[in-house]
Amino acid sequence: MRRARVYVDSRAGAAAEAGDLIQAERERTIGPDHVRGEVGEVFARTLAGRGEEHEVTFFKSLGMAVEDVATAKHVFRLARERGMGRDVSV
């Protein structure tokens, strides 16, 4: 967790409901500013996501299904553009 760049679907939701993040902050494994931002900001390109191949990213979803689908679509598109994974028709 400490090495990861953490993104959430909602900062307010994560602060109230993300038990793993709350516990890590309580144990001082991470600080209150460890969450880099919301995944929607990355999609809107108002916030940079992963910048280097060696970086570890962690997305904490709190159950907002529409963002889960958008995230999956984005990752799938990037993987296909880069020739990664199996050739799967959707």
PDB file of N, CA and C in Angstrom:
ATOM      1  N   MET A   1       0.835  -1.191   0.000  1.00  0.00           N
ATOM      2  CA  MET A   1       0.000   0.000   0.000  1.00  0.00           C
ATOM      3  C   MET A   1       0.877   1.249   0.000  1.00  0.00           C
ATOM      4  N   ARG A   2       1.940   1.207   0.776  1.00  0.00           N
ATOM      5  CA  ARG A   2       2.796   2.386   0.905  1.00  0.00           C
ATOM      6  C   ARG A   2       3.439   2.764  -0.427  1.00  0.00           C
ATOM      7  N   ARG A   3       3.840   1.771  -1.229  1.00  0.00           N
ATOM      8  CA  ARG A   3       4.496   2.036  -2.514  1.00  0.00           C
ATOM      9  C   ARG A   3       3.524   2.460  -3.606  1.00  0.00           C
ATOM     10  N   ALA A   4       2.255   2.165  -3.417  1.00  0.00           N
ATOM     11  CA  ALA A   4       1.279   2.364  -4.487  1.00  0.00           C
ATOM     12  C   ALA A   4       0.811   3.805  -4.598  1.00  0.00           C
ATOM     13  N   ARG A   5       0.504   4.192  -5.830  1.00  0.00           N
ATOM     14  CA  ARG A   5      -0.212   5.435  -6.098  1.00  0.00           C
ATOM     15  C   ARG A   5      -1.689   5.051  -6.025  1.00  0.00           C
ATOM     16  N   VAL A   6      -2.388   5.579  -5.043  1.00  0.00           N
ATOM     17  CA  VAL A   6      -3.762   5.154  -4.782  1.00  0.00           C
ATOM     18  C   VAL A   6      -4.757   6.121  -5.423  1.00  0.00           C
ATOM     19  N   TYR A   7      -5.720   5.543  -6.137  1.00  0.00           N
ATOM     20  CA  TYR A   7      -6.819   6.287  -6.742  1.00  0.00           C
ATOM     21  C   TYR A   7      -8.118   5.668  -6.246  1.00  0.00           C
ATOM     22  N   VAL A   8      -9.125   6.488  -6.083  1.00  0.00           N
ATOM     23  CA  VAL A   8     -10.417   6.025  -5.584  1.00  0.00           C
ATOM     24  C   VAL A   8     -11.514   6.499  -6.521  1.00  0.00           C
ATOM     25  N   ASP A   9     -12.705   5.939  -6.366  1.00  0.00           N
ATOM     26  CA  ASP A   9     -13.809   6.455  -7.176  1.00  0.00           C
ATOM     27  C   ASP A   9     -14.414   7.696  -6.547  1.00  0.00           C
ATOM     28  N   SER A  10     -14.260   7.844  -5.234  1.00  0.00           N
ATOM     29  CA  SER A  10     -14.763   9.015  -4.527  1.00  0.00           C
ATOM     30  C   SER A  10     -13.901   9.259  -3.291  1.00  0.00           C
ATOM     31  N   ARG A  11     -13.295  10.421  -3.212  1.00  0.00           N
ATOM     32  CA  ARG A  11     -12.485  10.744  -2.020  1.00  0.00           C
ATOM     33  C   ARG A  11     -13.338  10.724  -0.745  1.00  0.00           C
ATOM     34  N   ALA A  12     -14.502  11.335  -0.820  1.00  0.00           N
ATOM     35  CA  ALA A  12     -15.374  11.390   0.357  1.00  0.00           C
ATOM     36  C   ALA A  12     -15.804   9.986   0.760  1.00  0.00           C
ATOM     37  N   GLY A  13     -16.164   9.182  -0.224  1.00  0.00           N
ATOM     38  CA  GLY A  13     -16.570   7.812   0.058  1.00  0.00           C
ATOM     39  C   GLY A  13     -15.436   7.001   0.650  1.00  0.00           C
ATOM     40  N   ALA A  14     -14.239   7.155   0.106  1.00  0.00           N
ATOM     41  CA  ALA A  14     -13.077   6.413   0.601  1.00  0.00           C
ATOM     42  C   ALA A  14     -12.750   6.810   2.034  1.00  0.00           C
ATOM     43  N   ALA A  15     -12.839   8.100   2.326  1.00  0.00           N
ATOM     44  CA  ALA A  15     -12.539   8.572   3.679  1.00  0.00           C
ATOM     45  C   ALA A  15     -13.512   8.011   4.705  1.00  0.00           C
ATOM     46  N   ALA A  16     -14.726   7.712   4.264  1.00  0.00           N
ATOM     47  CA  ALA A  16     -15.749   7.211   5.187  1.00  0.00           C
ATOM     48  C   ALA A  16     -15.894   5.691   5.181  1.00  0.00           C
ATOM     49  N   GLU A  17     -15.609   5.045   4.025  1.00  0.00           N
ATOM     50  CA  GLU A  17     -15.973   3.638   3.871  1.00  0.00           C
ATOM     51  C   GLU A  17     -14.845   2.678   3.531  1.00  0.00           C
ATOM     52  N   ALA A  18     -13.698   3.170   3.102  1.00  0.00           N
ATOM     53  CA  ALA A  18     -12.618   2.283   2.641  1.00  0.00           C
ATOM     54  C   ALA A  18     -11.804   1.795   3.839  1.00  0.00           C
ATOM     55  N   GLY A  19     -12.262   0.731   4.442  1.00  0.00           N
ATOM     56  CA  GLY A  19     -11.641   0.222   5.660  1.00  0.00           C
ATOM     57  C   GLY A  19     -10.153  -0.034   5.546  1.00  0.00           C
ATOM     58  N   ASP A  20      -9.702  -0.582   4.407  1.00  0.00           N
ATOM     59  CA  ASP A  20      -8.273  -0.856   4.258  1.00  0.00           C
ATOM     60  C   ASP A  20      -7.448   0.427   4.226  1.00  0.00           C
ATOM     61  N   LEU A  21      -7.957   1.460   3.581  1.00  0.00           N
ATOM     62  CA  LEU A  21      -7.241   2.738   3.551  1.00  0.00           C
ATOM     63  C   LEU A  21      -7.308   3.430   4.916  1.00  0.00           C
ATOM     64  N   ILE A  22      -8.469   3.372   5.535  1.00  0.00           N
ATOM     65  CA  ILE A  22      -8.638   3.984   6.859  1.00  0.00           C
ATOM     66  C   ILE A  22      -7.706   3.316   7.863  1.00  0.00           C
ATOM     67  N   GLN A  23      -7.631   1.987   7.822  1.00  0.00           N
ATOM     68  CA  GLN A  23      -6.761   1.249   8.740  1.00  0.00           C
ATOM     69  C   GLN A  23      -5.284   1.568   8.471  1.00  0.00           C
ATOM     70  N   ALA A  24      -4.888   1.613   7.212  1.00  0.00           N
ATOM     71  CA  ALA A  24      -3.498   1.927   6.879  1.00  0.00           C
ATOM     72  C   ALA A  24      -3.121   3.324   7.361  1.00  0.00           C
ATOM     73  N   GLU A  25      -4.046   4.261   7.254  1.00  0.00           N
ATOM     74  CA  GLU A  25      -3.777   5.614   7.754  1.00  0.00           C
ATOM     75  C   GLU A  25      -3.711   5.616   9.282  1.00  0.00           C
ATOM     76  N   ARG A  26      -4.613   4.891   9.905  1.00  0.00           N
ATOM     77  CA  ARG A  26      -4.625   4.798  11.368  1.00  0.00           C
ATOM     78  C   ARG A  26      -3.305   4.209  11.889  1.00  0.00           C
ATOM     79  N   GLU A  27      -2.762   3.228  11.149  1.00  0.00           N
ATOM     80  CA  GLU A  27      -1.501   2.587  11.531  1.00  0.00           C
ATOM     81  C   GLU A  27      -0.280   3.380  11.055  1.00  0.00           C
ATOM     82  N   ARG A  28      -0.544   4.501  10.401  1.00  0.00           N
ATOM     83  CA  ARG A  28       0.493   5.385   9.871  1.00  0.00           C
ATOM     84  C   ARG A  28       1.356   4.726   8.798  1.00  0.00           C
ATOM     85  N   THR A  29       0.772   3.735   8.116  1.00  0.00           N
ATOM     86  CA  THR A  29       1.425   3.131   6.959  1.00  0.00           C
ATOM     87  C   THR A  29       1.374   4.109   5.794  1.00  0.00           C
ATOM     88  N   ILE A  30       0.283   4.850   5.721  1.00  0.00           N
ATOM     89  CA  ILE A  30       0.112   5.897   4.717  1.00  0.00           C
ATOM     90  C   ILE A  30      -0.350   7.157   5.435  1.00  0.00           C
ATOM     91  N   GLY A  31      -0.218   8.287   4.750  1.00  0.00           N
ATOM     92  CA  GLY A  31      -0.656   9.558   5.313  1.00  0.00           C
ATOM     93  C   GLY A  31      -2.003   9.977   4.746  1.00  0.00           C
ATOM     94  N   PRO A  32      -2.563  11.043   5.257  1.00  0.00           N
ATOM     95  CA  PRO A  32      -3.885  11.496   4.806  1.00  0.00           C
ATOM     96  C   PRO A  32      -3.898  11.953   3.347  1.00  0.00           C
ATOM     97  N   ASP A  33      -2.739  12.271   2.784  1.00  0.00           N
ATOM     98  CA  ASP A  33      -2.669  12.716   1.389  1.00  0.00           C
ATOM     99  C   ASP A  33      -2.202  11.614   0.449  1.00  0.00           C
ATOM    100  N   HIS A  34      -2.219  10.352   0.907  1.00  0.00           N
ATOM    101  CA  HIS A  34      -1.721   9.246   0.094  1.00  0.00           C
ATOM    102  C   HIS A  34      -2.610   8.966  -1.114  1.00  0.00           C
ATOM    103  N   VAL A  35      -3.894   9.221  -0.999  1.00  0.00           N
ATOM    104  CA  VAL A  35      -4.786   9.038  -2.142  1.00  0.00           C
ATOM    105  C   VAL A  35      -4.492  10.151  -3.131  1.00  0.00           C
ATOM    106  N   ARG A  36      -4.067   9.766  -4.329  1.00  0.00           N
ATOM    107  CA  ARG A  36      -3.662  10.753  -5.340  1.00  0.00           C
ATOM    108  C   ARG A  36      -4.849  11.474  -5.960  1.00  0.00           C
ATOM    109  N   GLY A  37      -5.980  10.774  -6.065  1.00  0.00           N
ATOM    110  CA  GLY A  37      -7.144  11.416  -6.664  1.00  0.00           C
ATOM    111  C   GLY A  37      -8.205  10.409  -7.024  1.00  0.00           C
ATOM    112  N   GLU A  38      -9.192  10.887  -7.746  1.00  0.00           N
ATOM    113  CA  GLU A  38     -10.305  10.056  -8.181  1.00  0.00           C
ATOM    114  C   GLU A  38     -10.055   9.556  -9.596  1.00  0.00           C
ATOM    115  N   VAL A  39     -10.492   8.342  -9.857  1.00  0.00           N
ATOM    116  CA  VAL A  39     -10.268   7.741 -11.164  1.00  0.00           C
ATOM    117  C   VAL A  39     -10.936   8.573 -12.264  1.00  0.00           C
ATOM    118  N   GLY A  40     -12.042   9.226 -11.953  1.00  0.00           N
ATOM    119  CA  GLY A  40     -12.693  10.097 -12.936  1.00  0.00           C
ATOM    120  C   GLY A  40     -11.796  11.239 -13.377  1.00  0.00           C
ATOM    121  N   GLU A  41     -10.952  11.718 -12.475  1.00  0.00           N
ATOM    122  CA  GLU A  41     -10.002  12.779 -12.827  1.00  0.00           C
ATOM    123  C   GLU A  41      -8.953  12.259 -13.808  1.00  0.00           C
ATOM    124  N   VAL A  42      -8.566  11.001 -13.642  1.00  0.00           N
ATOM    125  CA  VAL A  42      -7.601  10.400 -14.569  1.00  0.00           C
ATOM    126  C   VAL A  42      -8.242  10.253 -15.942  1.00  0.00           C
ATOM    127  N   PHE A  43      -9.490   9.768 -15.977  1.00  0.00           N
ATOM    128  CA  PHE A  43     -10.190   9.623 -17.255  1.00  0.00           C
ATOM    129  C   PHE A  43     -10.398  10.967 -17.940  1.00  0.00           C
ATOM    130  N   ALA A  44     -10.659  12.003 -17.158  1.00  0.00           N
ATOM    131  CA  ALA A  44     -10.873  13.343 -17.708  1.00  0.00           C
ATOM    132  C   ALA A  44      -9.547  14.021 -18.065  1.00  0.00           C
ATOM    133  N   ARG A  45      -8.451  13.363 -17.713  1.00  0.00           N
ATOM    134  CA  ARG A  45      -7.094  13.872 -17.970  1.00  0.00           C
ATOM    135  C   ARG A  45      -6.799  15.170 -17.237  1.00  0.00           C
ATOM    136  N   THR A  46      -7.456  15.357 -16.091  1.00  0.00           N
ATOM    137  CA  THR A  46      -7.130  16.499 -15.241  1.00  0.00           C
ATOM    138  C   THR A  46      -6.146  16.090 -14.157  1.00  0.00           C
ATOM    139  N   LEU A  47      -5.847  14.788 -14.100  1.00  0.00           N
ATOM    140  CA  LEU A  47      -4.899  14.237 -13.143  1.00  0.00           C
ATOM    141  C   LEU A  47      -4.146  13.114 -13.832  1.00  0.00           C
ATOM    142  N   ALA A  48      -2.831  13.117 -13.701  1.00  0.00           N
ATOM    143  CA  ALA A  48      -2.024  12.071 -14.323  1.00  0.00           C
ATOM    144  C   ALA A  48      -2.201  10.753 -13.580  1.00  0.00           C
ATOM    145  N   GLY A  49      -2.260   9.683 -14.321  1.00  0.00           N
ATOM    146  CA  GLY A  49      -2.291   8.346 -13.742  1.00  0.00           C
ATOM    147  C   GLY A  49      -0.872   7.808 -13.663  1.00  0.00           C
ATOM    148  N   ARG A  50      -0.734   6.543 -13.897  1.00  0.00           N
ATOM    149  CA  ARG A  50       0.575   5.891 -13.853  1.00  0.00           C
ATOM    150  C   ARG A  50       1.484   6.501 -14.912  1.00  0.00           C
ATOM    151  N   GLY A  51       2.674   6.901 -14.496  1.00  0.00           N
ATOM    152  CA  GLY A  51       3.590   7.553 -15.416  1.00  0.00           C
ATOM    153  C   GLY A  51       4.753   6.688 -15.863  1.00  0.00           C
ATOM    154  N   GLU A  52       5.127   5.719 -15.066  1.00  0.00           N
ATOM    155  CA  GLU A  52       6.270   4.859 -15.363  1.00  0.00           C
ATOM    156  C   GLU A  52       5.859   3.400 -15.234  1.00  0.00           C
ATOM    157  N   GLU A  53       6.460   2.549 -16.035  1.00  0.00           N
ATOM    158  CA  GLU A  53       6.115   1.131 -16.024  1.00  0.00           C
ATOM    159  C   GLU A  53       6.334   0.481 -14.662  1.00  0.00           C
ATOM    160  N   HIS A  54       7.323   0.941 -13.912  1.00  0.00           N
ATOM    161  CA  HIS A  54       7.646   0.325 -12.617  1.00  0.00           C
ATOM    162  C   HIS A  54       6.729   0.788 -11.482  1.00  0.00           C
ATOM    163  N   GLU A  55       5.920   1.825 -11.731  1.00  0.00           N
ATOM    164  CA  GLU A  55       5.041   2.346 -10.675  1.00  0.00           C
ATOM    165  C   GLU A  55       3.935   1.350 -10.338  1.00  0.00           C
ATOM    166  N   VAL A  56       3.575   1.322  -9.088  1.00  0.00           N
ATOM    167  CA  VAL A  56       2.476   0.482  -8.616  1.00  0.00           C
ATOM    168  C   VAL A  56       1.263   1.377  -8.410  1.00  0.00           C
ATOM    169  N   THR A  57       0.150   0.997  -9.019  1.00  0.00           N
ATOM    170  CA  THR A  57      -1.085   1.751  -8.815  1.00  0.00           C
ATOM    171  C   THR A  57      -2.105   0.853  -8.138  1.00  0.00           C
ATOM    172  N   PHE A  58      -2.972   1.475  -7.368  1.00  0.00           N
ATOM    173  CA  PHE A  58      -4.002   0.761  -6.630  1.00  0.00           C
ATOM    174  C   PHE A  58      -5.287   1.551  -6.766  1.00  0.00           C
ATOM    175  N   PHE A  59      -6.321   0.911  -7.299  1.00  0.00           N
ATOM    176  CA  PHE A  59      -7.621   1.556  -7.424  1.00  0.00           C
ATOM    177  C   PHE A  59      -8.557   0.954  -6.399  1.00  0.00           C
ATOM    178  N   LYS A  60      -9.037   1.776  -5.501  1.00  0.00           N
ATOM    179  CA  LYS A  60      -9.977   1.347  -4.466  1.00  0.00           C
ATOM    180  C   LYS A  60     -11.379   1.704  -4.922  1.00  0.00           C
ATOM    181  N   SER A  61     -12.116   0.689  -5.318  1.00  0.00           N
ATOM    182  CA  SER A  61     -13.495   0.887  -5.739  1.00  0.00           C
ATOM    183  C   SER A  61     -14.423   0.692  -4.545  1.00  0.00           C
ATOM    184  N   LEU A  62     -15.388   1.565  -4.435  1.00  0.00           N
ATOM    185  CA  LEU A  62     -16.361   1.472  -3.349  1.00  0.00           C
ATOM    186  C   LEU A  62     -17.721   1.017  -3.844  1.00  0.00           C
ATOM    187  N   GLY A  63     -17.749   0.432  -5.028  1.00  0.00           N
ATOM    188  CA  GLY A  63     -18.994  -0.145  -5.519  1.00  0.00           C
ATOM    189  C   GLY A  63     -19.770   0.714  -6.489  1.00  0.00           C
ATOM    190  N   MET A  64     -19.153   1.708  -7.071  1.00  0.00           N
ATOM    191  CA  MET A  64     -19.819   2.517  -8.089  1.00  0.00           C
ATOM    192  C   MET A  64     -19.661   1.781  -9.420  1.00  0.00           C
ATOM    193  N   ALA A  65     -20.645   0.999  -9.783  1.00  0.00           N
ATOM    194  CA  ALA A  65     -20.556   0.099 -10.924  1.00  0.00           C
ATOM    195  C   ALA A  65     -20.201   0.820 -12.217  1.00  0.00           C
ATOM    196  N   VAL A  66     -20.733   1.994 -12.436  1.00  0.00           N
ATOM    197  CA  VAL A  66     -20.454   2.704 -13.682  1.00  0.00           C
ATOM    198  C   VAL A  66     -18.962   3.001 -13.815  1.00  0.00           C
ATOM    199  N   GLU A  67     -18.304   3.302 -12.722  1.00  0.00           N
ATOM    200  CA  GLU A  67     -16.870   3.566 -12.789  1.00  0.00           C
ATOM    201  C   GLU A  67     -16.079   2.277 -12.954  1.00  0.00           C
ATOM    202  N   ASP A  68     -16.571   1.189 -12.405  1.00  0.00           N
ATOM    203  CA  ASP A  68     -15.915  -0.097 -12.622  1.00  0.00           C
ATOM    204  C   ASP A  68     -15.939  -0.452 -14.106  1.00  0.00           C
ATOM    205  N   VAL A  69     -17.077  -0.259 -14.746  1.00  0.00           N
ATOM    206  CA  VAL A  69     -17.217  -0.559 -16.165  1.00  0.00           C
ATOM    207  C   VAL A  69     -16.329   0.373 -16.990  1.00  0.00           C
ATOM    208  N   ALA A  70     -16.323   1.645 -16.669  1.00  0.00           N
ATOM    209  CA  ALA A  70     -15.490   2.600 -17.397  1.00  0.00           C
ATOM    210  C   ALA A  70     -14.013   2.258 -17.240  1.00  0.00           C
ATOM    211  N   THR A  71     -13.613   1.859 -16.056  1.00  0.00           N
ATOM    212  CA  THR A  71     -12.224   1.480 -15.817  1.00  0.00           C
ATOM    213  C   THR A  71     -11.856   0.255 -16.642  1.00  0.00           C
ATOM    214  N   ALA A  72     -12.707  -0.748 -16.622  1.00  0.00           N
ATOM    215  CA  ALA A  72     -12.447  -1.963 -17.389  1.00  0.00           C
ATOM    216  C   ALA A  72     -12.358  -1.665 -18.878  1.00  0.00           C
ATOM    217  N   LYS A  73     -13.241  -0.830 -19.381  1.00  0.00           N
ATOM    218  CA  LYS A  73     -13.227  -0.473 -20.804  1.00  0.00           C
ATOM    219  C   LYS A  73     -11.932   0.252 -21.157  1.00  0.00           C
ATOM    220  N   HIS A  74     -11.517   1.167 -20.309  1.00  0.00           N
ATOM    221  CA  HIS A  74     -10.292   1.932 -20.550  1.00  0.00           C
ATOM    222  C   HIS A  74      -9.069   1.016 -20.563  1.00  0.00           C
ATOM    223  N   VAL A  75      -8.959   0.146 -19.572  1.00  0.00           N
ATOM    224  CA  VAL A  75      -7.817  -0.769 -19.491  1.00  0.00           C
ATOM    225  C   VAL A  75      -7.825  -1.729 -20.677  1.00  0.00           C
ATOM    226  N   PHE A  76      -8.987  -2.235 -21.040  1.00  0.00           N
ATOM    227  CA  PHE A  76      -9.095  -3.137 -22.179  1.00  0.00           C
ATOM    228  C   PHE A  76      -8.648  -2.449 -23.464  1.00  0.00           C
ATOM    229  N   ARG A  77      -9.093  -1.203 -23.667  1.00  0.00           N
ATOM    230  CA  ARG A  77      -8.703  -0.458 -24.871  1.00  0.00           C
ATOM    231  C   ARG A  77      -7.195  -0.254 -24.923  1.00  0.00           C
ATOM    232  N   LEU A  78      -6.610   0.149 -23.803  1.00  0.00           N
ATOM    233  CA  LEU A  78      -5.162   0.348 -23.754  1.00  0.00           C
ATOM    234  C   LEU A  78      -4.414  -0.948 -24.030  1.00  0.00           C
ATOM    235  N   ALA A  79      -4.883  -2.048 -23.464  1.00  0.00           N
ATOM    236  CA  ALA A  79      -4.229  -3.342 -23.673  1.00  0.00           C
ATOM    237  C   ALA A  79      -4.291  -3.737 -25.148  1.00  0.00           C
ATOM    238  N   ARG A  80      -5.434  -3.551 -25.774  1.00  0.00           N
ATOM    239  CA  ARG A  80      -5.545  -3.900 -27.203  1.00  0.00           C
ATOM    240  C   ARG A  80      -4.658  -3.011 -28.053  1.00  0.00           C
ATOM    241  N   GLU A  81      -4.600  -1.708 -27.737  1.00  0.00           N
ATOM    242  CA  GLU A  81      -3.739  -0.792 -28.487  1.00  0.00           C
ATOM    243  C   GLU A  81      -2.278  -1.203 -28.395  1.00  0.00           C
ATOM    244  N   ARG A  82      -1.905  -1.772 -27.265  1.00  0.00           N
ATOM    245  CA  ARG A  82      -0.514  -2.162 -27.030  1.00  0.00           C
ATOM    246  C   ARG A  82      -0.238  -3.616 -27.376  1.00  0.00           C
ATOM    247  N   GLY A  83      -1.225  -4.296 -27.930  1.00  0.00           N
ATOM    248  CA  GLY A  83      -1.047  -5.687 -28.333  1.00  0.00           C
ATOM    249  C   GLY A  83      -0.886  -6.642 -27.170  1.00  0.00           C
ATOM    250  N   MET A  84      -1.458  -6.316 -26.043  1.00  0.00           N
ATOM    251  CA  MET A  84      -1.319  -7.139 -24.851  1.00  0.00           C
ATOM    252  C   MET A  84      -2.521  -8.056 -24.677  1.00  0.00           C
ATOM    253  N   GLY A  85      -2.305  -9.207 -24.069  1.00  0.00           N
ATOM    254  CA  GLY A  85      -3.398 -10.139 -23.785  1.00  0.00           C
ATOM    255  C   GLY A  85      -3.799 -10.921 -24.993  1.00  0.00           C
ATOM    256  N   ARG A  86      -4.802 -11.752 -24.813  1.00  0.00           N
ATOM    257  CA  ARG A  86      -5.332 -12.555 -25.909  1.00  0.00           C
ATOM    258  C   ARG A  86      -6.163 -11.699 -26.828  1.00  0.00           C
ATOM    259  N   ASP A  87      -6.324 -12.163 -28.036  1.00  0.00           N
ATOM    260  CA  ASP A  87      -7.214 -11.488 -28.979  1.00  0.00           C
ATOM    261  C   ASP A  87      -8.629 -11.953 -28.671  1.00  0.00           C
ATOM    262  N   VAL A  88      -9.398 -11.092 -28.042  1.00  0.00           N
ATOM    263  CA  VAL A  88     -10.766 -11.418 -27.624  1.00  0.00           C
ATOM    264  C   VAL A  88     -11.720 -10.455 -28.303  1.00  0.00           C
ATOM    265  N   SER A  89     -12.754 -10.982 -28.876  1.00  0.00           N
ATOM    266  CA  SER A  89     -13.778 -10.127 -29.478  1.00  0.00           C
ATOM    267  C   SER A  89     -14.827  -9.818 -28.435  1.00  0.00           C
ATOM    268  N   VAL A  90     -15.220  -8.571 -28.379  1.00  0.00           N
ATOM    269  CA  VAL A  90     -16.230  -8.151 -27.420  1.00  0.00           C
ATOM    270  C   VAL A  90     -17.428  -7.613 -28.160  1.00  0.00           C
TER     271      VAL A  90
END
